[in-house]
Amino acid sequence: MSAIEPVARLTGTTRDTALTGPVAASPGPAERLFATADLLACPECGQDLTGRDRTLRCSRGHSFDLAKQGYVSLLTGASTKMTGDTPAMLDARAAFQSAGHFAPIAAALASAAASGSTLTTTSATRLASTLLPSARADLAPGAPAGHNLASHRTGPAVLEIGAGTGYYLAAVLDAVPEGRGIALDVAKPAARRAARAHVRAGSVLADAWTGLPIRDGVLDTVFSVFAPRNADEVARVLAPDGRFIIVTPTERHLGELIEPLDMVRVDATKARRLADSLADRFELVERELVEFSMSLSHNDIANVVGMGPSAFHADAQLTPRIAALPPTVVVTASVTVAIYRPRG
């Protein structure tokens, strides 16, 4: 299995440890994006997009310039009901993910994307170990010489909706060595970060609720982690035998912190509402509970609060509330990884 350490990737340093040879400059974000251009569609007219000279164009003359960071904005200007993450939220998320606390979630998701079924205990432990900080000791900047993005054009195509830092997409692509991915987010700071998340991923700024700028039926896997999703659009862009993977928190997720820090609670009806929203378009293949304990410092706790929906509701009392907690708090992470397939 390829293992490009996501921790290093969050700071722009990548290396594919499954390959050997001299270390050379990794493909730039623009090159990575152009390698996924055949999956993209014009958000104005739906025509195919092609890339040239740092611009994506369709046959009707609509054009979209790449930002200097390597992502492309395919926002249409239509109003959105989505609220993107702030830079501070993304900083907190990157720090928390870099510490490896959610590595078992990334491992379960990666296994589901790679095989269509969630992890056994043994394989989860093995994959999660590649996502922990201790696994990055031998990493060096860059990617192996001879890394050819064009060779992946016939491999599996993956989309993450609400990609944020790109941490989970990177884990999925590590588990699918021949795959390529698109990190989609409505927040510009997230698009900037995701542009350097993986050597086989392009970054797109777009609003999933106004329509995915993706061609019909071209994706093998679409997934979202703690993010809203547009079921009708996902059904349109998935291949008939594709997979839609959704990671959602259970009521027990971060349960030890909810009361003392006045955090946003997970709705007890969340699982039922999710199933109802997908019923017309998708059928459930498998659902797996991923639950484990984390030992969190005060800094970790501040990050996990600051990276999620509770960040929008935090008040001046948050800091003293965290300070009143024991120096290390054992906190439960509890999510479901659900795999769906399109109805025939």
C-alpha atoms as a PDB file:
ATOM      1  CA  MET A   1       0.000   0.000   0.000  1.00  0.00           C
ATOM      2  CA  SER A   2       1.223   3.493  -0.810  1.00  0.00           C
ATOM      3  CA  ALA A   3       1.662   5.674   2.240  1.00  0.00           C
ATOM      4  CA  ILE A   4       2.182   9.396   1.770  1.00  0.00           C
ATOM      5  CA  GLU A   5       2.131  10.806   5.295  1.00  0.00           C
ATOM      6  CA  PRO A   6      -0.879  13.146   5.644  1.00  0.00           C
ATOM      7  CA  VAL A   7       0.704  14.943   8.597  1.00  0.00           C
ATOM      8  CA  ALA A   8       3.547  16.219   6.445  1.00  0.00           C
ATOM      9  CA  ARG A   9       1.146  16.947   3.626  1.00  0.00           C
ATOM     10  CA  LEU A  10      -0.755  19.451   5.736  1.00  0.00           C
ATOM     11  CA  THR A  11       2.356  21.620   5.678  1.00  0.00           C
ATOM     12  CA  GLY A  12       3.075  21.037   2.017  1.00  0.00           C
ATOM     13  CA  THR A  13       5.677  18.259   2.393  1.00  0.00           C
ATOM     14  CA  THR A  14       4.974  14.970   0.620  1.00  0.00           C
ATOM     15  CA  ARG A  15       6.680  11.751  -0.199  1.00  0.00           C
ATOM     16  CA  ASP A  16       5.321   8.466  -1.506  1.00  0.00           C
ATOM     17  CA  THR A  17       7.020   5.896   0.718  1.00  0.00           C
ATOM     18  CA  ALA A  18       5.896   2.979  -1.448  1.00  0.00           C
ATOM     19  CA  LEU A  19       8.228   4.094  -4.233  1.00  0.00           C
ATOM     20  CA  THR A  20      11.996   4.294  -4.201  1.00  0.00           C
ATOM     21  CA  GLY A  21      14.590   6.316  -6.031  1.00  0.00           C
ATOM     22  CA  PRO A  22      15.967   9.834  -5.940  1.00  0.00           C
ATOM     23  CA  VAL A  23      13.698  12.470  -4.461  1.00  0.00           C
ATOM     24  CA  ALA A  24      12.576  15.104  -6.968  1.00  0.00           C
ATOM     25  CA  ALA A  25      10.213  18.040  -6.876  1.00  0.00           C
ATOM     26  CA  SER A  26       6.628  16.936  -6.439  1.00  0.00           C
ATOM     27  CA  PRO A  27       4.069  17.842  -9.142  1.00  0.00           C
ATOM     28  CA  GLY A  28       2.790  21.351  -8.489  1.00  0.00           C
ATOM     29  CA  PRO A  29      -0.827  22.054  -7.483  1.00  0.00           C
ATOM     30  CA  ALA A  30      -1.698  23.303 -10.977  1.00  0.00           C
ATOM     31  CA  GLU A  31      -0.378  20.120 -12.572  1.00  0.00           C
ATOM     32  CA  ARG A  32      -2.338  18.054 -10.075  1.00  0.00           C
ATOM     33  CA  LEU A  33      -5.520  19.949 -10.891  1.00  0.00           C
ATOM     34  CA  PHE A  34      -5.056  19.614 -14.659  1.00  0.00           C
ATOM     35  CA  ALA A  35      -4.662  15.850 -14.157  1.00  0.00           C
ATOM     36  CA  THR A  36      -8.310  15.806 -12.987  1.00  0.00           C
ATOM     37  CA  ALA A  37      -9.651  18.263 -15.595  1.00  0.00           C
ATOM     38  CA  ASP A  38     -11.288  15.473 -17.603  1.00  0.00           C
ATOM     39  CA  LEU A  39     -13.610  14.907 -14.617  1.00  0.00           C
ATOM     40  CA  LEU A  40     -14.726  18.530 -14.339  1.00  0.00           C
ATOM     41  CA  ALA A  41     -17.670  20.326 -15.951  1.00  0.00           C
ATOM     42  CA  CYS A  42     -18.340  23.996 -16.532  1.00  0.00           C
ATOM     43  CA  PRO A  43     -20.487  25.359 -13.698  1.00  0.00           C
ATOM     44  CA  GLU A  44     -22.166  27.794 -16.103  1.00  0.00           C
ATOM     45  CA  CYS A  45     -23.269  25.451 -18.889  1.00  0.00           C
ATOM     46  CA  GLY A  46     -22.267  21.914 -17.916  1.00  0.00           C
ATOM     47  CA  GLN A  47     -19.903  21.410 -20.850  1.00  0.00           C
ATOM     48  CA  ASP A  48     -16.610  19.570 -20.450  1.00  0.00           C
ATOM     49  CA  LEU A  49     -13.612  21.546 -19.234  1.00  0.00           C
ATOM     50  CA  THR A  50     -10.064  21.313 -20.545  1.00  0.00           C
ATOM     51  CA  GLY A  51      -6.937  22.815 -19.039  1.00  0.00           C
ATOM     52  CA  ARG A  52      -4.229  24.893 -20.663  1.00  0.00           C
ATOM     53  CA  ASP A  53      -1.959  27.761 -19.570  1.00  0.00           C
ATOM     54  CA  ARG A  54      -3.326  27.769 -15.998  1.00  0.00           C
ATOM     55  CA  THR A  55      -6.893  28.165 -17.251  1.00  0.00           C
ATOM     56  CA  LEU A  56      -9.839  25.781 -17.534  1.00  0.00           C
ATOM     57  CA  ARG A  57     -12.105  26.415 -20.529  1.00  0.00           C
ATOM     58  CA  CYS A  58     -15.271  24.941 -22.004  1.00  0.00           C
ATOM     59  CA  SER A  59     -16.385  24.842 -25.643  1.00  0.00           C
ATOM     60  CA  ARG A  60     -18.818  27.729 -25.077  1.00  0.00           C
ATOM     61  CA  GLY A  61     -16.085  30.124 -24.048  1.00  0.00           C
ATOM     62  CA  HIS A  62     -16.421  30.123 -20.271  1.00  0.00           C
ATOM     63  CA  SER A  63     -12.991  30.208 -18.644  1.00  0.00           C
ATOM     64  CA  PHE A  64     -11.694  29.843 -15.113  1.00  0.00           C
ATOM     65  CA  ASP A  65      -8.193  30.875 -14.124  1.00  0.00           C
ATOM     66  CA  LEU A  66      -6.255  28.935 -11.546  1.00  0.00           C
ATOM     67  CA  ALA A  67      -5.336  30.792  -8.388  1.00  0.00           C
ATOM     68  CA  LYS A  68      -1.640  31.165  -7.676  1.00  0.00           C
ATOM     69  CA  GLN A  69      -1.979  28.472  -4.971  1.00  0.00           C
ATOM     70  CA  GLY A  70      -3.117  25.982  -7.638  1.00  0.00           C
ATOM     71  CA  TYR A  71      -6.837  25.629  -6.951  1.00  0.00           C
ATOM     72  CA  VAL A  72      -9.608  26.772  -9.289  1.00  0.00           C
ATOM     73  CA  SER A  73     -12.812  28.566  -8.349  1.00  0.00           C
ATOM     74  CA  LEU A  74     -15.883  27.081 -10.030  1.00  0.00           C
ATOM     75  CA  LEU A  75     -18.318  29.123  -7.959  1.00  0.00           C
ATOM     76  CA  THR A  76     -21.078  30.615 -10.075  1.00  0.00           C
ATOM     77  CA  GLY A  77     -21.997  33.610  -7.948  1.00  0.00           C
ATOM     78  CA  ALA A  78     -25.349  32.100  -6.991  1.00  0.00           C
ATOM     79  CA  SER A  79     -26.326  32.481  -3.347  1.00  0.00           C
ATOM     80  CA  THR A  80     -25.396  29.624  -1.040  1.00  0.00           C
ATOM     81  CA  LYS A  81     -26.639  28.286   2.271  1.00  0.00           C
ATOM     82  CA  MET A  82     -23.211  26.855   3.058  1.00  0.00           C
ATOM     83  CA  THR A  83     -20.945  28.395   5.677  1.00  0.00           C
ATOM     84  CA  GLY A  84     -17.314  27.637   4.998  1.00  0.00           C
ATOM     85  CA  ASP A  85     -14.623  27.098   7.585  1.00  0.00           C
ATOM     86  CA  THR A  86     -12.580  30.091   8.696  1.00  0.00           C
ATOM     87  CA  PRO A  87      -8.758  30.115   8.581  1.00  0.00           C
ATOM     88  CA  ALA A  88      -8.698  29.699  12.358  1.00  0.00           C
ATOM     89  CA  MET A  89     -10.935  26.621  12.128  1.00  0.00           C
ATOM     90  CA  LEU A  90      -8.682  25.103   9.476  1.00  0.00           C
ATOM     91  CA  ASP A  91      -5.597  25.806  11.586  1.00  0.00           C
ATOM     92  CA  ALA A  92      -7.217  24.004  14.512  1.00  0.00           C
ATOM     93  CA  ARG A  93      -8.245  21.076  12.311  1.00  0.00           C
ATOM     94  CA  ALA A  94      -4.787  20.721  10.795  1.00  0.00           C
ATOM     95  CA  ALA A  95      -3.190  20.707  14.250  1.00  0.00           C
ATOM     96  CA  PHE A  96      -5.638  18.119  15.607  1.00  0.00           C
ATOM     97  CA  GLN A  97      -5.333  15.864  12.562  1.00  0.00           C
ATOM     98  CA  SER A  98      -1.542  16.190  12.591  1.00  0.00           C
ATOM     99  CA  ALA A  99      -1.509  14.818  16.143  1.00  0.00           C
ATOM    100  CA  GLY A 100      -3.108  11.615  14.812  1.00  0.00           C
ATOM    101  CA  HIS A 101      -6.185  11.679  17.026  1.00  0.00           C
ATOM    102  CA  PHE A 102      -8.596  10.861  14.197  1.00  0.00           C
ATOM    103  CA  ALA A 103      -6.274   8.407  12.430  1.00  0.00           C
ATOM    104  CA  PRO A 104      -8.633   5.430  13.028  1.00  0.00           C
ATOM    105  CA  ILE A 105     -11.428   7.347  11.294  1.00  0.00           C
ATOM    106  CA  ALA A 106      -9.185   8.101   8.319  1.00  0.00           C
ATOM    107  CA  ALA A 107      -8.130   4.451   8.232  1.00  0.00           C
ATOM    108  CA  ALA A 108     -11.711   3.154   8.247  1.00  0.00           C
ATOM    109  CA  LEU A 109     -12.691   5.577   5.504  1.00  0.00           C
ATOM    110  CA  ALA A 110      -9.665   4.667   3.399  1.00  0.00           C
ATOM    111  CA  SER A 111     -10.405   0.966   3.690  1.00  0.00           C
ATOM    112  CA  ALA A 112     -14.051   1.510   2.760  1.00  0.00           C
ATOM    113  CA  ALA A 113     -13.018   3.463  -0.321  1.00  0.00           C
ATOM    114  CA  ALA A 114     -10.395   0.912  -1.341  1.00  0.00           C
ATOM    115  CA  SER A 115     -12.408  -2.253  -0.886  1.00  0.00           C
ATOM    116  CA  GLY A 116     -16.055  -1.351  -0.485  1.00  0.00           C
ATOM    117  CA  SER A 117     -16.094  -2.700   3.068  1.00  0.00           C
ATOM    118  CA  THR A 118     -14.893  -1.262   6.339  1.00  0.00           C
ATOM    119  CA  LEU A 119     -11.860  -2.450   8.253  1.00  0.00           C
ATOM    120  CA  THR A 120     -11.152  -5.515  10.296  1.00  0.00           C
ATOM    121  CA  THR A 121      -9.450  -4.740  13.597  1.00  0.00           C
ATOM    122  CA  THR A 122      -6.066  -5.917  12.293  1.00  0.00           C
ATOM    123  CA  SER A 123      -6.130  -3.948   9.051  1.00  0.00           C
ATOM    124  CA  ALA A 124      -7.441  -0.848  10.836  1.00  0.00           C
ATOM    125  CA  THR A 125      -4.506  -0.924  13.226  1.00  0.00           C
ATOM    126  CA  ARG A 126      -2.022  -1.348  10.383  1.00  0.00           C
ATOM    127  CA  LEU A 127      -3.413   1.510   8.284  1.00  0.00           C
ATOM    128  CA  ALA A 128      -3.956   3.829  11.236  1.00  0.00           C
ATOM    129  CA  SER A 129      -0.304   3.419  12.196  1.00  0.00           C
ATOM    130  CA  THR A 130       0.730   5.089   8.920  1.00  0.00           C
ATOM    131  CA  LEU A 131      -1.342   8.147   9.858  1.00  0.00           C
ATOM    132  CA  LEU A 132       0.229   8.758  13.267  1.00  0.00           C
ATOM    133  CA  PRO A 133       2.964  11.367  13.884  1.00  0.00           C
ATOM    134  CA  SER A 134       5.483   8.619  14.694  1.00  0.00           C
ATOM    135  CA  ALA A 135       5.239   7.382  11.110  1.00  0.00           C
ATOM    136  CA  ARG A 136       6.716  10.559   9.640  1.00  0.00           C
ATOM    137  CA  ALA A 137      10.263  10.281  10.947  1.00  0.00           C
ATOM    138  CA  ASP A 138      11.770   9.184   7.625  1.00  0.00           C
ATOM    139  CA  LEU A 139       9.891  11.597   5.400  1.00  0.00           C
ATOM    140  CA  ALA A 140      11.688  14.044   3.154  1.00  0.00           C
ATOM    141  CA  PRO A 141      10.357  16.894   1.027  1.00  0.00           C
ATOM    142  CA  GLY A 142       9.215  16.173  -2.483  1.00  0.00           C
ATOM    143  CA  ALA A 143       7.895  13.154  -4.344  1.00  0.00           C
ATOM    144  CA  PRO A 144       9.780  10.326  -6.039  1.00  0.00           C
ATOM    145  CA  ALA A 145      11.342  10.961  -9.401  1.00  0.00           C
ATOM    146  CA  GLY A 146       9.326   9.651 -12.286  1.00  0.00           C
ATOM    147  CA  HIS A 147       5.947  10.168 -10.627  1.00  0.00           C
ATOM    148  CA  ASN A 148       3.639  10.382 -13.649  1.00  0.00           C
ATOM    149  CA  LEU A 149       0.211  11.881 -13.011  1.00  0.00           C
ATOM    150  CA  ALA A 150      -0.999  10.913 -16.502  1.00  0.00           C
ATOM    151  CA  SER A 151      -0.632   7.240 -15.601  1.00  0.00           C
ATOM    152  CA  HIS A 152      -3.472   7.607 -13.087  1.00  0.00           C
ATOM    153  CA  ARG A 153      -6.066   8.902 -15.567  1.00  0.00           C
ATOM    154  CA  THR A 154      -7.545   5.436 -15.998  1.00  0.00           C
ATOM    155  CA  GLY A 155      -7.569   4.709 -12.273  1.00  0.00           C
ATOM    156  CA  PRO A 156     -10.394   5.229  -9.779  1.00  0.00           C
ATOM    157  CA  ALA A 157     -11.680   8.794  -9.466  1.00  0.00           C
ATOM    158  CA  VAL A 158     -12.540  10.073  -5.996  1.00  0.00           C
ATOM    159  CA  LEU A 159     -14.296  13.226  -4.784  1.00  0.00           C
ATOM    160  CA  GLU A 160     -14.379  14.564  -1.245  1.00  0.00           C
ATOM    161  CA  ILE A 161     -17.162  17.044  -0.516  1.00  0.00           C
ATOM    162  CA  GLY A 162     -16.242  19.508   2.219  1.00  0.00           C
ATOM    163  CA  ALA A 163     -12.578  18.513   2.022  1.00  0.00           C
ATOM    164  CA  GLY A 164     -11.188  21.096   4.446  1.00  0.00           C
ATOM    165  CA  THR A 165      -7.468  20.393   4.868  1.00  0.00           C
ATOM    166  CA  GLY A 166      -7.598  17.398   2.508  1.00  0.00           C
ATOM    167  CA  TYR A 167      -6.498  15.033   5.287  1.00  0.00           C
ATOM    168  CA  TYR A 168      -9.129  12.385   4.594  1.00  0.00           C
ATOM    169  CA  LEU A 169      -8.772  12.551   0.813  1.00  0.00           C
ATOM    170  CA  ALA A 170      -5.031  12.026   1.239  1.00  0.00           C
ATOM    171  CA  ALA A 171      -5.659   8.909   3.331  1.00  0.00           C
ATOM    172  CA  VAL A 172      -8.079   7.546   0.718  1.00  0.00           C
ATOM    173  CA  LEU A 173      -5.640   8.139  -2.135  1.00  0.00           C
ATOM    174  CA  ASP A 174      -2.895   6.433  -0.138  1.00  0.00           C
ATOM    175  CA  ALA A 175      -5.158   3.363   0.003  1.00  0.00           C
ATOM    176  CA  VAL A 176      -5.963   3.574  -3.732  1.00  0.00           C
ATOM    177  CA  PRO A 177      -2.493   3.815  -5.338  1.00  0.00           C
ATOM    178  CA  GLU A 178      -3.801   4.188  -8.885  1.00  0.00           C
ATOM    179  CA  GLY A 179      -6.520   6.677  -7.971  1.00  0.00           C
ATOM    180  CA  ARG A 180      -6.806  10.424  -8.342  1.00  0.00           C
ATOM    181  CA  GLY A 181      -8.944  12.796  -6.369  1.00  0.00           C
ATOM    182  CA  ILE A 182     -10.734  16.115  -6.240  1.00  0.00           C
ATOM    183  CA  ALA A 183     -10.939  18.075  -2.997  1.00  0.00           C
ATOM    184  CA  LEU A 184     -14.049  20.268  -3.121  1.00  0.00           C
ATOM    185  CA  ASP A 185     -14.857  22.936  -0.562  1.00  0.00           C
ATOM    186  CA  VAL A 186     -16.863  26.149  -0.453  1.00  0.00           C
ATOM    187  CA  ALA A 187     -14.247  27.972   1.640  1.00  0.00           C
ATOM    188  CA  LYS A 188     -11.329  29.646  -0.118  1.00  0.00           C
ATOM    189  CA  PRO A 189      -8.884  28.995   2.773  1.00  0.00           C
ATOM    190  CA  ALA A 190      -9.747  25.289   2.540  1.00  0.00           C
ATOM    191  CA  ALA A 191      -9.223  25.226  -1.229  1.00  0.00           C
ATOM    192  CA  ARG A 192      -5.773  26.747  -0.723  1.00  0.00           C
ATOM    193  CA  ARG A 193      -4.782  24.097   1.810  1.00  0.00           C
ATOM    194  CA  ALA A 194      -6.247  21.185  -0.137  1.00  0.00           C
ATOM    195  CA  ALA A 195      -4.274  22.186  -3.244  1.00  0.00           C
ATOM    196  CA  ARG A 196      -1.178  20.738  -1.561  1.00  0.00           C
ATOM    197  CA  ALA A 197      -2.849  17.804   0.196  1.00  0.00           C
ATOM    198  CA  HIS A 198      -1.714  15.013  -2.139  1.00  0.00           C
ATOM    199  CA  VAL A 199       0.283  14.577  -5.332  1.00  0.00           C
ATOM    200  CA  ARG A 200      -2.750  12.982  -7.005  1.00  0.00           C
ATOM    201  CA  ALA A 201      -5.406  15.473  -5.911  1.00  0.00           C
ATOM    202  CA  GLY A 202      -6.683  18.701  -7.436  1.00  0.00           C
ATOM    203  CA  SER A 203      -8.484  21.381  -5.435  1.00  0.00           C
ATOM    204  CA  VAL A 204     -11.772  23.002  -6.496  1.00  0.00           C
ATOM    205  CA  LEU A 205     -13.632  25.871  -4.845  1.00  0.00           C
ATOM    206  CA  ALA A 206     -17.335  25.163  -5.374  1.00  0.00           C
ATOM    207  CA  ASP A 207     -20.681  24.946  -3.624  1.00  0.00           C
ATOM    208  CA  ALA A 208     -22.079  21.413  -3.556  1.00  0.00           C
ATOM    209  CA  TRP A 209     -25.579  22.744  -2.925  1.00  0.00           C
ATOM    210  CA  THR A 210     -25.758  24.755  -6.145  1.00  0.00           C
ATOM    211  CA  GLY A 211     -24.407  21.820  -8.187  1.00  0.00           C
ATOM    212  CA  LEU A 212     -21.214  19.806  -8.425  1.00  0.00           C
ATOM    213  CA  PRO A 213     -18.978  20.981 -11.298  1.00  0.00           C
ATOM    214  CA  ILE A 214     -18.356  17.351 -12.250  1.00  0.00           C
ATOM    215  CA  ARG A 215     -19.280  15.420 -15.412  1.00  0.00           C
ATOM    216  CA  ASP A 216     -22.057  12.839 -15.273  1.00  0.00           C
ATOM    217  CA  GLY A 217     -21.163   9.333 -14.075  1.00  0.00           C
ATOM    218  CA  VAL A 218     -17.378   9.755 -13.954  1.00  0.00           C
ATOM    219  CA  LEU A 219     -16.634   9.115 -10.267  1.00  0.00           C
ATOM    220  CA  ASP A 220     -15.988   5.800  -8.569  1.00  0.00           C
ATOM    221  CA  THR A 221     -16.225   7.122  -5.011  1.00  0.00           C
ATOM    222  CA  VAL A 222     -17.704  10.221  -3.412  1.00  0.00           C
ATOM    223  CA  PHE A 223     -17.363  10.758   0.311  1.00  0.00           C
ATOM    224  CA  SER A 224     -17.995  13.335   3.001  1.00  0.00           C
ATOM    225  CA  VAL A 225     -16.741  13.467   6.573  1.00  0.00           C
ATOM    226  CA  PHE A 226     -18.808  15.564   9.008  1.00  0.00           C
ATOM    227  CA  ALA A 227     -19.928  17.643   6.015  1.00  0.00           C
ATOM    228  CA  PRO A 228     -23.253  18.352   4.286  1.00  0.00           C
ATOM    229  CA  ARG A 229     -23.876  16.589   1.009  1.00  0.00           C
ATOM    230  CA  ASN A 230     -26.173  16.935  -2.017  1.00  0.00           C
ATOM    231  CA  ALA A 231     -27.632  13.487  -2.681  1.00  0.00           C
ATOM    232  CA  ASP A 232     -29.126  14.311  -6.082  1.00  0.00           C
ATOM    233  CA  GLU A 233     -25.845  15.705  -7.378  1.00  0.00           C
ATOM    234  CA  VAL A 234     -23.820  12.825  -5.946  1.00  0.00           C
ATOM    235  CA  ALA A 235     -26.112  10.353  -7.713  1.00  0.00           C
ATOM    236  CA  ARG A 236     -25.561  12.216 -10.974  1.00  0.00           C
ATOM    237  CA  VAL A 237     -21.760  12.207 -10.870  1.00  0.00           C
ATOM    238  CA  LEU A 238     -21.292   8.651  -9.561  1.00  0.00           C
ATOM    239  CA  ALA A 239     -20.781   5.730 -11.927  1.00  0.00           C
ATOM    240  CA  PRO A 240     -23.565   3.116 -11.721  1.00  0.00           C
ATOM    241  CA  ASP A 241     -21.336   0.868  -9.622  1.00  0.00           C
ATOM    242  CA  GLY A 242     -19.868   3.738  -7.600  1.00  0.00           C
ATOM    243  CA  ARG A 243     -19.844   4.187  -3.834  1.00  0.00           C
ATOM    244  CA  PHE A 244     -21.028   7.054  -1.669  1.00  0.00           C
ATOM    245  CA  ILE A 245     -19.361   6.944   1.749  1.00  0.00           C
ATOM    246  CA  ILE A 246     -20.588   9.140   4.580  1.00  0.00           C
ATOM    247  CA  VAL A 247     -18.899   9.566   7.959  1.00  0.00           C
ATOM    248  CA  THR A 248     -21.160  11.021  10.645  1.00  0.00           C
ATOM    249  CA  PRO A 249     -20.743  11.448  14.425  1.00  0.00           C
ATOM    250  CA  THR A 250     -22.880   9.491  16.859  1.00  0.00           C
ATOM    251  CA  GLU A 251     -24.384  10.940  20.040  1.00  0.00           C
ATOM    252  CA  ARG A 252     -21.343   9.665  21.965  1.00  0.00           C
ATOM    253  CA  HIS A 253     -18.826  11.586  19.863  1.00  0.00           C
ATOM    254  CA  LEU A 254     -16.767  13.885  22.119  1.00  0.00           C
ATOM    255  CA  GLY A 255     -19.362  13.178  24.794  1.00  0.00           C
ATOM    256  CA  GLU A 256     -17.033  13.897  27.725  1.00  0.00           C
ATOM    257  CA  LEU A 257     -16.565  17.487  26.493  1.00  0.00           C
ATOM    258  CA  ILE A 258     -20.106  18.455  25.547  1.00  0.00           C
ATOM    259  CA  GLU A 259     -21.429  19.329  28.988  1.00  0.00           C
ATOM    260  CA  PRO A 260     -18.379  21.044  30.552  1.00  0.00           C
ATOM    261  CA  LEU A 261     -17.638  23.076  27.407  1.00  0.00           C
ATOM    262  CA  ASP A 262     -21.244  23.667  26.287  1.00  0.00           C
ATOM    263  CA  MET A 263     -20.515  22.210  22.851  1.00  0.00           C
ATOM    264  CA  VAL A 264     -23.048  21.616  20.098  1.00  0.00           C
ATOM    265  CA  ARG A 265     -24.714  18.232  20.584  1.00  0.00           C
ATOM    266  CA  VAL A 266     -25.277  15.635  17.880  1.00  0.00           C
ATOM    267  CA  ASP A 267     -28.965  15.375  17.062  1.00  0.00           C
ATOM    268  CA  ALA A 268     -30.339  12.037  18.252  1.00  0.00           C
ATOM    269  CA  THR A 269     -32.316  11.731  15.004  1.00  0.00           C
ATOM    270  CA  LYS A 270     -29.299  12.410  12.759  1.00  0.00           C
ATOM    271  CA  ALA A 271     -28.902   8.810  11.509  1.00  0.00           C
ATOM    272  CA  ARG A 272     -32.598   8.497  10.674  1.00  0.00           C
ATOM    273  CA  ARG A 273     -32.680  11.841   8.881  1.00  0.00           C
ATOM    274  CA  LEU A 274     -29.623  10.897   6.860  1.00  0.00           C
ATOM    275  CA  ALA A 275     -31.200   7.618   5.792  1.00  0.00           C
ATOM    276  CA  ASP A 276     -34.422   9.378   4.817  1.00  0.00           C
ATOM    277  CA  SER A 277     -32.581  11.999   2.760  1.00  0.00           C
ATOM    278  CA  LEU A 278     -30.803   9.297   0.731  1.00  0.00           C
ATOM    279  CA  ALA A 279     -33.590   6.749   0.383  1.00  0.00           C
ATOM    280  CA  ASP A 280     -34.786   7.817  -3.074  1.00  0.00           C
ATOM    281  CA  ARG A 281     -31.342   7.770  -4.654  1.00  0.00           C
ATOM    282  CA  PHE A 282     -29.211   5.299  -2.690  1.00  0.00           C
ATOM    283  CA  GLU A 283     -29.371   1.991  -0.880  1.00  0.00           C
ATOM    284  CA  LEU A 284     -27.272   1.161   2.149  1.00  0.00           C
ATOM    285  CA  VAL A 285     -24.591  -1.466   1.583  1.00  0.00           C
ATOM    286  CA  GLU A 286     -22.877  -1.450   4.956  1.00  0.00           C
ATOM    287  CA  ARG A 287     -22.651   0.643   8.093  1.00  0.00           C
ATOM    288  CA  GLU A 288     -19.829   0.301  10.609  1.00  0.00           C
ATOM    289  CA  LEU A 289     -19.336   1.903  14.012  1.00  0.00           C
ATOM    290  CA  VAL A 290     -15.824   3.252  14.605  1.00  0.00           C
ATOM    291  CA  GLU A 291     -15.364   4.119  18.271  1.00  0.00           C
ATOM    292  CA  PHE A 292     -12.193   4.623  20.292  1.00  0.00           C
ATOM    293  CA  SER A 293     -10.713   6.682  23.134  1.00  0.00           C
ATOM    294  CA  MET A 294      -8.358   9.645  22.784  1.00  0.00           C
ATOM    295  CA  SER A 295      -6.149  11.160  25.477  1.00  0.00           C
ATOM    296  CA  LEU A 296      -6.392  14.906  24.875  1.00  0.00           C
ATOM    297  CA  SER A 297      -4.389  17.771  26.339  1.00  0.00           C
ATOM    298  CA  HIS A 298      -5.870  21.221  26.871  1.00  0.00           C
ATOM    299  CA  ASN A 299      -4.367  22.297  23.546  1.00  0.00           C
ATOM    300  CA  ASP A 300      -5.919  19.298  21.778  1.00  0.00           C
ATOM    301  CA  ILE A 301      -9.291  20.123  23.323  1.00  0.00           C
ATOM    302  CA  ALA A 302      -9.079  23.738  22.204  1.00  0.00           C
ATOM    303  CA  ASN A 303      -8.357  22.499  18.681  1.00  0.00           C
ATOM    304  CA  VAL A 304     -11.172  19.962  18.541  1.00  0.00           C
ATOM    305  CA  VAL A 305     -13.631  22.614  19.734  1.00  0.00           C
ATOM    306  CA  GLY A 306     -12.210  25.224  17.396  1.00  0.00           C
ATOM    307  CA  MET A 307     -12.344  23.056  14.290  1.00  0.00           C
ATOM    308  CA  GLY A 308     -16.036  22.126  14.384  1.00  0.00           C
ATOM    309  CA  PRO A 309     -19.497  23.692  14.583  1.00  0.00           C
ATOM    310  CA  SER A 310     -18.971  24.658  18.217  1.00  0.00           C
ATOM    311  CA  ALA A 311     -16.385  27.189  17.010  1.00  0.00           C
ATOM    312  CA  PHE A 312     -19.233  29.360  15.734  1.00  0.00           C
ATOM    313  CA  HIS A 313     -20.795  29.395  19.211  1.00  0.00           C
ATOM    314  CA  ALA A 314     -17.721  29.633  21.446  1.00  0.00           C
ATOM    315  CA  ASP A 315     -17.744  32.445  23.988  1.00  0.00           C
ATOM    316  CA  ALA A 316     -15.294  34.088  26.365  1.00  0.00           C
ATOM    317  CA  GLN A 317     -15.875  31.321  28.907  1.00  0.00           C
ATOM    318  CA  LEU A 318     -14.336  28.607  26.731  1.00  0.00           C
ATOM    319  CA  THR A 319     -10.735  29.186  27.806  1.00  0.00           C
ATOM    320  CA  PRO A 320     -11.424  29.086  31.569  1.00  0.00           C
ATOM    321  CA  ARG A 321     -13.677  26.060  31.068  1.00  0.00           C
ATOM    322  CA  ILE A 322     -10.864  24.176  29.348  1.00  0.00           C
ATOM    323  CA  ALA A 323      -8.417  25.294  32.042  1.00  0.00           C
ATOM    324  CA  ALA A 324     -10.707  23.791  34.694  1.00  0.00           C
ATOM    325  CA  LEU A 325     -10.456  20.327  33.130  1.00  0.00           C
ATOM    326  CA  PRO A 326      -7.821  17.771  34.196  1.00  0.00           C
ATOM    327  CA  PRO A 327      -4.493  18.149  32.320  1.00  0.00           C
ATOM    328  CA  THR A 328      -5.353  15.078  30.207  1.00  0.00           C
ATOM    329  CA  VAL A 329      -8.916  14.069  29.407  1.00  0.00           C
ATOM    330  CA  VAL A 330      -9.937  10.723  27.939  1.00  0.00           C
ATOM    331  CA  VAL A 331     -12.485  11.551  25.243  1.00  0.00           C
ATOM    332  CA  THR A 332     -14.575   9.232  23.087  1.00  0.00           C
ATOM    333  CA  ALA A 333     -14.486   9.450  19.303  1.00  0.00           C
ATOM    334  CA  SER A 334     -17.555   7.753  17.859  1.00  0.00           C
ATOM    335  CA  VAL A 335     -18.626   7.813  14.220  1.00  0.00           C
ATOM    336  CA  THR A 336     -20.414   5.662  11.701  1.00  0.00           C
ATOM    337  CA  VAL A 337     -18.908   4.903   8.305  1.00  0.00           C
ATOM    338  CA  ALA A 338     -21.784   4.148   5.938  1.00  0.00           C
ATOM    339  CA  ILE A 339     -21.363   2.880   2.376  1.00  0.00           C
ATOM    340  CA  TYR A 340     -24.166   3.496  -0.117  1.00  0.00           C
ATOM    341  CA  ARG A 341     -24.615   2.595  -3.782  1.00  0.00           C
ATOM    342  CA  PRO A 342     -26.870   4.212  -6.362  1.00  0.00           C
ATOM    343  CA  ARG A 343     -30.257   2.624  -6.887  1.00  0.00           C
ATOM    344  CA  GLY A 344     -30.608   0.979 -10.257  1.00  0.00           C
END
